[in-house]
Amino acid sequence: MKETVRELGPAAGSGIGAYVLGYVFTYVLSGPAVEESSLNQIVEAVGDGGVAWKLVGWVFYNAHGVTTTIDIDIPFLGGTEVLNYIAQGDALSPVLYVLPPALLIAAGLFGARMADATDVGDALRTGGAVTAGYLPLAIAGAFLFTVAVDSSSGGPTLVPAIGLAGLVYPLVFGSIGGAIGATLANSGR
């Protein structure tokens, strides 16, 4: 298979779709709990209202295994805390951990099927091309989902947000989806 933009474009586009759908599904599954959370209430009370969508972004990155880093700059009370709200809270379902892999596998499968990849090696490369769409959004999201109040801030931990959520997840799970797509194409012959 000759790799061209036309052949890899659907995989990159499906990476964009996987990221967007992952955030939307995370919002649907965790939005009400996040809006009622004490953290949301505190941030809105201090003056940065309407941040629940950013806090859902934290949960979305937590679903990738990326922690949230909160830096509180208050004398004698402040400090840095690293959290994973899914792992540490009872209000959020562990099912959220399944969303990114499932969507990325589907994206890789779609990309491989659109490129008519029947060779597993080609399908792995095509599935890995999901990263081309997912990585830029993972980088942008790491900054977009940052909440700053006065000199305190919180958001996805930057290096894992880029390395784990932006690179490792789409490469691994997109490639798995691509391999599944090639296997299905070969079994249909």
C-alpha atoms as a PDB file:
ATOM      1  CA  MET A   1       0.000   0.000   0.000  1.00  0.00           C
ATOM      2  CA  LYS A   2       1.398   3.366  -0.993  1.00  0.00           C
ATOM      3  CA  GLU A   3       0.847   5.721   1.906  1.00  0.00           C
ATOM      4  CA  THR A   4      -0.566   9.036   0.796  1.00  0.00           C
ATOM      5  CA  VAL A   5      -2.496  11.789   2.456  1.00  0.00           C
ATOM      6  CA  ARG A   6      -5.626  10.418   0.811  1.00  0.00           C
ATOM      7  CA  GLU A   7      -5.031   7.008   2.398  1.00  0.00           C
ATOM      8  CA  LEU A   8      -3.930   8.257   5.818  1.00  0.00           C
ATOM      9  CA  GLY A   9      -6.285  11.250   5.957  1.00  0.00           C
ATOM     10  CA  PRO A  10      -9.302   9.244   7.128  1.00  0.00           C
ATOM     11  CA  ALA A  11      -7.238   7.807   9.998  1.00  0.00           C
ATOM     12  CA  ALA A  12      -6.097  11.288  11.048  1.00  0.00           C
ATOM     13  CA  GLY A  13      -9.670  12.548  10.767  1.00  0.00           C
ATOM     14  CA  SER A  14     -10.912   9.649  12.849  1.00  0.00           C
ATOM     15  CA  GLY A  15      -8.331  10.632  15.488  1.00  0.00           C
ATOM     16  CA  ILE A  16      -9.971  14.053  15.661  1.00  0.00           C
ATOM     17  CA  GLY A  17     -13.364  12.381  15.943  1.00  0.00           C
ATOM     18  CA  ALA A  18     -12.143  10.046  18.694  1.00  0.00           C
ATOM     19  CA  TYR A  19     -10.837  12.972  20.765  1.00  0.00           C
ATOM     20  CA  VAL A  20     -14.006  15.054  20.357  1.00  0.00           C
ATOM     21  CA  LEU A  21     -16.341  12.122  21.025  1.00  0.00           C
ATOM     22  CA  GLY A  22     -14.227  11.104  24.014  1.00  0.00           C
ATOM     23  CA  TYR A  23     -14.655  14.533  25.562  1.00  0.00           C
ATOM     24  CA  VAL A  24     -18.390  14.626  24.740  1.00  0.00           C
ATOM     25  CA  PHE A  25     -19.008  11.168  26.234  1.00  0.00           C
ATOM     26  CA  THR A  26     -16.943  12.113  29.286  1.00  0.00           C
ATOM     27  CA  TYR A  27     -19.079  15.235  29.688  1.00  0.00           C
ATOM     28  CA  VAL A  28     -22.281  13.207  29.435  1.00  0.00           C
ATOM     29  CA  LEU A  29     -21.067  10.624  31.960  1.00  0.00           C
ATOM     30  CA  SER A  30     -19.358  12.943  34.452  1.00  0.00           C
ATOM     31  CA  GLY A  31     -20.726  16.451  33.851  1.00  0.00           C
ATOM     32  CA  PRO A  32     -23.443  16.388  36.520  1.00  0.00           C
ATOM     33  CA  ALA A  33     -21.033  15.054  39.167  1.00  0.00           C
ATOM     34  CA  VAL A  34     -18.407  17.635  38.205  1.00  0.00           C
ATOM     35  CA  GLU A  35     -20.921  20.500  38.310  1.00  0.00           C
ATOM     36  CA  GLU A  36     -21.978  19.449  41.824  1.00  0.00           C
ATOM     37  CA  SER A  37     -18.401  18.899  43.036  1.00  0.00           C
ATOM     38  CA  SER A  38     -16.942  20.987  45.808  1.00  0.00           C
ATOM     39  CA  LEU A  39     -14.003  21.939  43.588  1.00  0.00           C
ATOM     40  CA  ASN A  40     -16.348  23.441  40.992  1.00  0.00           C
ATOM     41  CA  GLN A  41     -18.254  25.288  43.716  1.00  0.00           C
ATOM     42  CA  ILE A  42     -15.025  26.728  45.156  1.00  0.00           C
ATOM     43  CA  VAL A  43     -13.637  27.829  41.782  1.00  0.00           C
ATOM     44  CA  GLU A  44     -16.916  29.480  40.829  1.00  0.00           C
ATOM     45  CA  ALA A  45     -17.160  31.201  44.232  1.00  0.00           C
ATOM     46  CA  VAL A  46     -13.653  32.617  43.928  1.00  0.00           C
ATOM     47  CA  GLY A  47     -14.604  34.254  40.655  1.00  0.00           C
ATOM     48  CA  ASP A  48     -13.870  32.070  37.646  1.00  0.00           C
ATOM     49  CA  GLY A  49     -17.441  30.999  36.897  1.00  0.00           C
ATOM     50  CA  GLY A  50     -18.491  28.500  34.283  1.00  0.00           C
ATOM     51  CA  VAL A  51     -15.453  26.226  34.543  1.00  0.00           C
ATOM     52  CA  ALA A  52     -17.252  22.872  34.788  1.00  0.00           C
ATOM     53  CA  TRP A  53     -16.431  22.145  31.136  1.00  0.00           C
ATOM     54  CA  LYS A  54     -12.726  22.592  31.939  1.00  0.00           C
ATOM     55  CA  LEU A  55     -12.993  20.318  34.974  1.00  0.00           C
ATOM     56  CA  VAL A  56     -14.609  17.686  32.735  1.00  0.00           C
ATOM     57  CA  GLY A  57     -11.486  18.065  30.584  1.00  0.00           C
ATOM     58  CA  TRP A  58      -9.455  17.115  33.654  1.00  0.00           C
ATOM     59  CA  VAL A  59     -11.568  13.967  33.994  1.00  0.00           C
ATOM     60  CA  PHE A  60     -11.117  13.231  30.267  1.00  0.00           C
ATOM     61  CA  TYR A  61      -7.341  13.351  30.678  1.00  0.00           C
ATOM     62  CA  ASN A  62      -7.622  11.305  33.891  1.00  0.00           C
ATOM     63  CA  ALA A  63      -9.345   8.628  31.767  1.00  0.00           C
ATOM     64  CA  HIS A  64      -6.073   8.426  29.791  1.00  0.00           C
ATOM     65  CA  GLY A  65      -4.106   7.917  32.998  1.00  0.00           C
ATOM     66  CA  VAL A  66      -2.955  11.554  33.007  1.00  0.00           C
ATOM     67  CA  THR A  67      -3.020  13.204  36.416  1.00  0.00           C
ATOM     68  CA  THR A  68      -4.303  16.670  37.227  1.00  0.00           C
ATOM     69  CA  THR A  69      -1.826  19.056  38.837  1.00  0.00           C
ATOM     70  CA  ILE A  70      -3.219  21.751  41.111  1.00  0.00           C
ATOM     71  CA  ASP A  71      -0.902  24.528  42.317  1.00  0.00           C
ATOM     72  CA  ILE A  72      -2.400  26.557  45.161  1.00  0.00           C
ATOM     73  CA  ASP A  73      -0.555  29.757  45.948  1.00  0.00           C
ATOM     74  CA  ILE A  74      -1.837  30.636  49.407  1.00  0.00           C
ATOM     75  CA  PRO A  75       0.709  31.328  52.152  1.00  0.00           C
ATOM     76  CA  PHE A  76       0.920  28.503  54.717  1.00  0.00           C
ATOM     77  CA  LEU A  77      -1.917  26.565  53.022  1.00  0.00           C
ATOM     78  CA  GLY A  78      -0.768  26.272  49.432  1.00  0.00           C
ATOM     79  CA  GLY A  79       1.235  23.708  47.593  1.00  0.00           C
ATOM     80  CA  THR A  80       1.041  21.335  44.694  1.00  0.00           C
ATOM     81  CA  GLU A  81      -1.327  18.406  44.571  1.00  0.00           C
ATOM     82  CA  VAL A  82      -1.443  15.724  41.883  1.00  0.00           C
ATOM     83  CA  LEU A  83      -4.779  13.922  41.520  1.00  0.00           C
ATOM     84  CA  ASN A  84      -6.772  11.527  39.388  1.00  0.00           C
ATOM     85  CA  TYR A  85     -10.439  12.291  40.022  1.00  0.00           C
ATOM     86  CA  ILE A  86     -11.675   9.003  38.586  1.00  0.00           C
ATOM     87  CA  ALA A  87      -9.392   6.930  40.810  1.00  0.00           C
ATOM     88  CA  GLN A  88      -9.932   9.053  43.923  1.00  0.00           C
ATOM     89  CA  GLY A  89     -13.638   9.764  43.753  1.00  0.00           C
ATOM     90  CA  ASP A  90     -16.765   7.713  44.232  1.00  0.00           C
ATOM     91  CA  ALA A  91     -18.897   9.961  42.028  1.00  0.00           C
ATOM     92  CA  LEU A  92     -17.105   9.093  38.769  1.00  0.00           C
ATOM     93  CA  SER A  93     -17.420   5.729  37.066  1.00  0.00           C
ATOM     94  CA  PRO A  94     -14.328   3.677  36.228  1.00  0.00           C
ATOM     95  CA  VAL A  95     -16.060   3.037  32.875  1.00  0.00           C
ATOM     96  CA  LEU A  96     -14.507   6.362  31.867  1.00  0.00           C
ATOM     97  CA  TYR A  97     -11.155   4.550  31.565  1.00  0.00           C
ATOM     98  CA  VAL A  98     -12.597   2.457  28.717  1.00  0.00           C
ATOM     99  CA  LEU A  99     -13.693   5.403  26.566  1.00  0.00           C
ATOM    100  CA  PRO A 100     -10.364   6.551  25.075  1.00  0.00           C
ATOM    101  CA  PRO A 101      -9.109   3.057  24.149  1.00  0.00           C
ATOM    102  CA  ALA A 102     -12.468   2.013  22.680  1.00  0.00           C
ATOM    103  CA  LEU A 103     -12.799   5.159  20.582  1.00  0.00           C
ATOM    104  CA  LEU A 104      -9.180   4.972  19.409  1.00  0.00           C
ATOM    105  CA  ILE A 105      -9.542   1.311  18.426  1.00  0.00           C
ATOM    106  CA  ALA A 106     -12.656   2.254  16.443  1.00  0.00           C
ATOM    107  CA  ALA A 107     -10.764   5.150  14.834  1.00  0.00           C
ATOM    108  CA  GLY A 108      -7.879   2.869  13.823  1.00  0.00           C
ATOM    109  CA  LEU A 109     -10.283   0.278  12.447  1.00  0.00           C
ATOM    110  CA  PHE A 110     -12.081   2.954  10.449  1.00  0.00           C
ATOM    111  CA  GLY A 111      -8.805   4.339   9.087  1.00  0.00           C
ATOM    112  CA  ALA A 112      -7.589   0.903   8.019  1.00  0.00           C
ATOM    113  CA  ARG A 113     -10.893   0.061   6.378  1.00  0.00           C
ATOM    114  CA  MET A 114     -10.998   3.394   4.527  1.00  0.00           C
ATOM    115  CA  ALA A 115      -7.434   2.798   3.252  1.00  0.00           C
ATOM    116  CA  ASP A 116      -8.347  -0.781   2.214  1.00  0.00           C
ATOM    117  CA  ALA A 117      -5.432  -2.049   4.289  1.00  0.00           C
ATOM    118  CA  THR A 118      -5.329  -5.840   4.182  1.00  0.00           C
ATOM    119  CA  ASP A 119      -1.671  -6.278   5.136  1.00  0.00           C
ATOM    120  CA  VAL A 120      -1.259  -6.119   8.917  1.00  0.00           C
ATOM    121  CA  GLY A 121       1.906  -3.987   8.645  1.00  0.00           C
ATOM    122  CA  ASP A 122       0.131  -1.425   6.493  1.00  0.00           C
ATOM    123  CA  ALA A 123      -2.885  -1.524   8.799  1.00  0.00           C
ATOM    124  CA  LEU A 124      -0.681  -0.892  11.834  1.00  0.00           C
ATOM    125  CA  ARG A 125       0.792   2.197  10.150  1.00  0.00           C
ATOM    126  CA  THR A 126      -2.624   3.387   9.045  1.00  0.00           C
ATOM    127  CA  GLY A 127      -4.075   2.808  12.515  1.00  0.00           C
ATOM    128  CA  GLY A 128      -1.131   4.668  14.033  1.00  0.00           C
ATOM    129  CA  ALA A 129      -1.954   7.627  11.777  1.00  0.00           C
ATOM    130  CA  VAL A 130      -4.848   8.290  14.148  1.00  0.00           C
ATOM    131  CA  THR A 131      -2.169  10.095  16.175  1.00  0.00           C
ATOM    132  CA  ALA A 132      -1.942  12.836  13.519  1.00  0.00           C
ATOM    133  CA  GLY A 133      -5.451  13.962  14.445  1.00  0.00           C
ATOM    134  CA  TYR A 134      -5.407  13.138  18.160  1.00  0.00           C
ATOM    135  CA  LEU A 135      -2.057  14.643  19.205  1.00  0.00           C
ATOM    136  CA  PRO A 136      -2.721  18.289  18.248  1.00  0.00           C
ATOM    137  CA  LEU A 137      -6.017  18.230  20.136  1.00  0.00           C
ATOM    138  CA  ALA A 138      -4.378  16.582  23.162  1.00  0.00           C
ATOM    139  CA  ILE A 139      -1.774  19.352  23.234  1.00  0.00           C
ATOM    140  CA  ALA A 140      -4.366  22.104  22.786  1.00  0.00           C
ATOM    141  CA  GLY A 141      -6.637  20.527  25.409  1.00  0.00           C
ATOM    142  CA  ALA A 142      -3.842  20.403  27.976  1.00  0.00           C
ATOM    143  CA  PHE A 143      -3.701  24.205  27.788  1.00  0.00           C
ATOM    144  CA  LEU A 144      -7.398  24.841  27.137  1.00  0.00           C
ATOM    145  CA  PHE A 145      -8.510  22.878  30.206  1.00  0.00           C
ATOM    146  CA  THR A 146      -6.228  24.817  32.559  1.00  0.00           C
ATOM    147  CA  VAL A 147      -8.058  26.823  35.215  1.00  0.00           C
ATOM    148  CA  ALA A 148      -6.331  29.834  36.765  1.00  0.00           C
ATOM    149  CA  VAL A 149      -7.660  31.781  39.725  1.00  0.00           C
ATOM    150  CA  ASP A 150      -5.409  34.601  40.875  1.00  0.00           C
ATOM    151  CA  SER A 151      -1.961  32.990  41.139  1.00  0.00           C
ATOM    152  CA  SER A 152      -3.294  29.457  41.646  1.00  0.00           C
ATOM    153  CA  SER A 153      -3.928  27.071  38.763  1.00  0.00           C
ATOM    154  CA  GLY A 154      -4.887  23.543  37.876  1.00  0.00           C
ATOM    155  CA  GLY A 155      -4.965  21.425  34.769  1.00  0.00           C
ATOM    156  CA  PRO A 156      -3.809  18.227  33.115  1.00  0.00           C
ATOM    157  CA  THR A 157      -0.166  17.463  33.922  1.00  0.00           C
ATOM    158  CA  LEU A 158       1.520  18.675  30.731  1.00  0.00           C
ATOM    159  CA  VAL A 159       4.154  16.048  29.880  1.00  0.00           C
ATOM    160  CA  PRO A 160       1.858  13.026  30.399  1.00  0.00           C
ATOM    161  CA  ALA A 161      -0.961  14.881  28.621  1.00  0.00           C
ATOM    162  CA  ILE A 162       1.211  15.130  25.525  1.00  0.00           C
ATOM    163  CA  GLY A 163       3.188  11.903  25.842  1.00  0.00           C
ATOM    164  CA  LEU A 164       0.579   9.517  27.195  1.00  0.00           C
ATOM    165  CA  ALA A 165      -2.741  10.935  25.997  1.00  0.00           C
ATOM    166  CA  GLY A 166      -1.426  12.490  22.787  1.00  0.00           C
ATOM    167  CA  LEU A 167       1.110   9.912  21.603  1.00  0.00           C
ATOM    168  CA  VAL A 168       0.987   6.561  23.396  1.00  0.00           C
ATOM    169  CA  TYR A 169      -2.781   6.069  23.502  1.00  0.00           C
ATOM    170  CA  PRO A 170      -3.486   6.839  19.824  1.00  0.00           C
ATOM    171  CA  LEU A 171      -0.395   4.960  18.602  1.00  0.00           C
ATOM    172  CA  VAL A 172      -1.159   1.827  20.588  1.00  0.00           C
ATOM    173  CA  PHE A 173      -4.941   1.697  20.356  1.00  0.00           C
ATOM    174  CA  GLY A 174      -5.140   3.135  16.831  1.00  0.00           C
ATOM    175  CA  SER A 175      -2.688   0.460  15.691  1.00  0.00           C
ATOM    176  CA  ILE A 176      -4.718  -2.243  17.424  1.00  0.00           C
ATOM    177  CA  GLY A 177      -7.801  -0.976  15.595  1.00  0.00           C
ATOM    178  CA  GLY A 178      -5.881  -0.975  12.307  1.00  0.00           C
ATOM    179  CA  ALA A 179      -4.791  -4.578  12.866  1.00  0.00           C
ATOM    180  CA  ILE A 180      -8.378  -5.563  13.653  1.00  0.00           C
ATOM    181  CA  GLY A 181      -9.475  -3.846  10.438  1.00  0.00           C
ATOM    182  CA  ALA A 182      -6.945  -5.804   8.365  1.00  0.00           C
ATOM    183  CA  THR A 183      -7.910  -9.053  10.049  1.00  0.00           C
ATOM    184  CA  LEU A 184     -11.579  -8.423   9.334  1.00  0.00           C
ATOM    185  CA  ALA A 185     -10.788  -7.534   5.713  1.00  0.00           C
ATOM    186  CA  ASN A 186      -8.781 -10.733   5.284  1.00  0.00           C
ATOM    187  CA  SER A 187     -11.463 -12.895   6.899  1.00  0.00           C
ATOM    188  CA  GLY A 188     -14.065 -11.525   4.497  1.00  0.00           C
ATOM    189  CA  ARG A 189     -12.178 -12.737   1.435  1.00  0.00           C
END
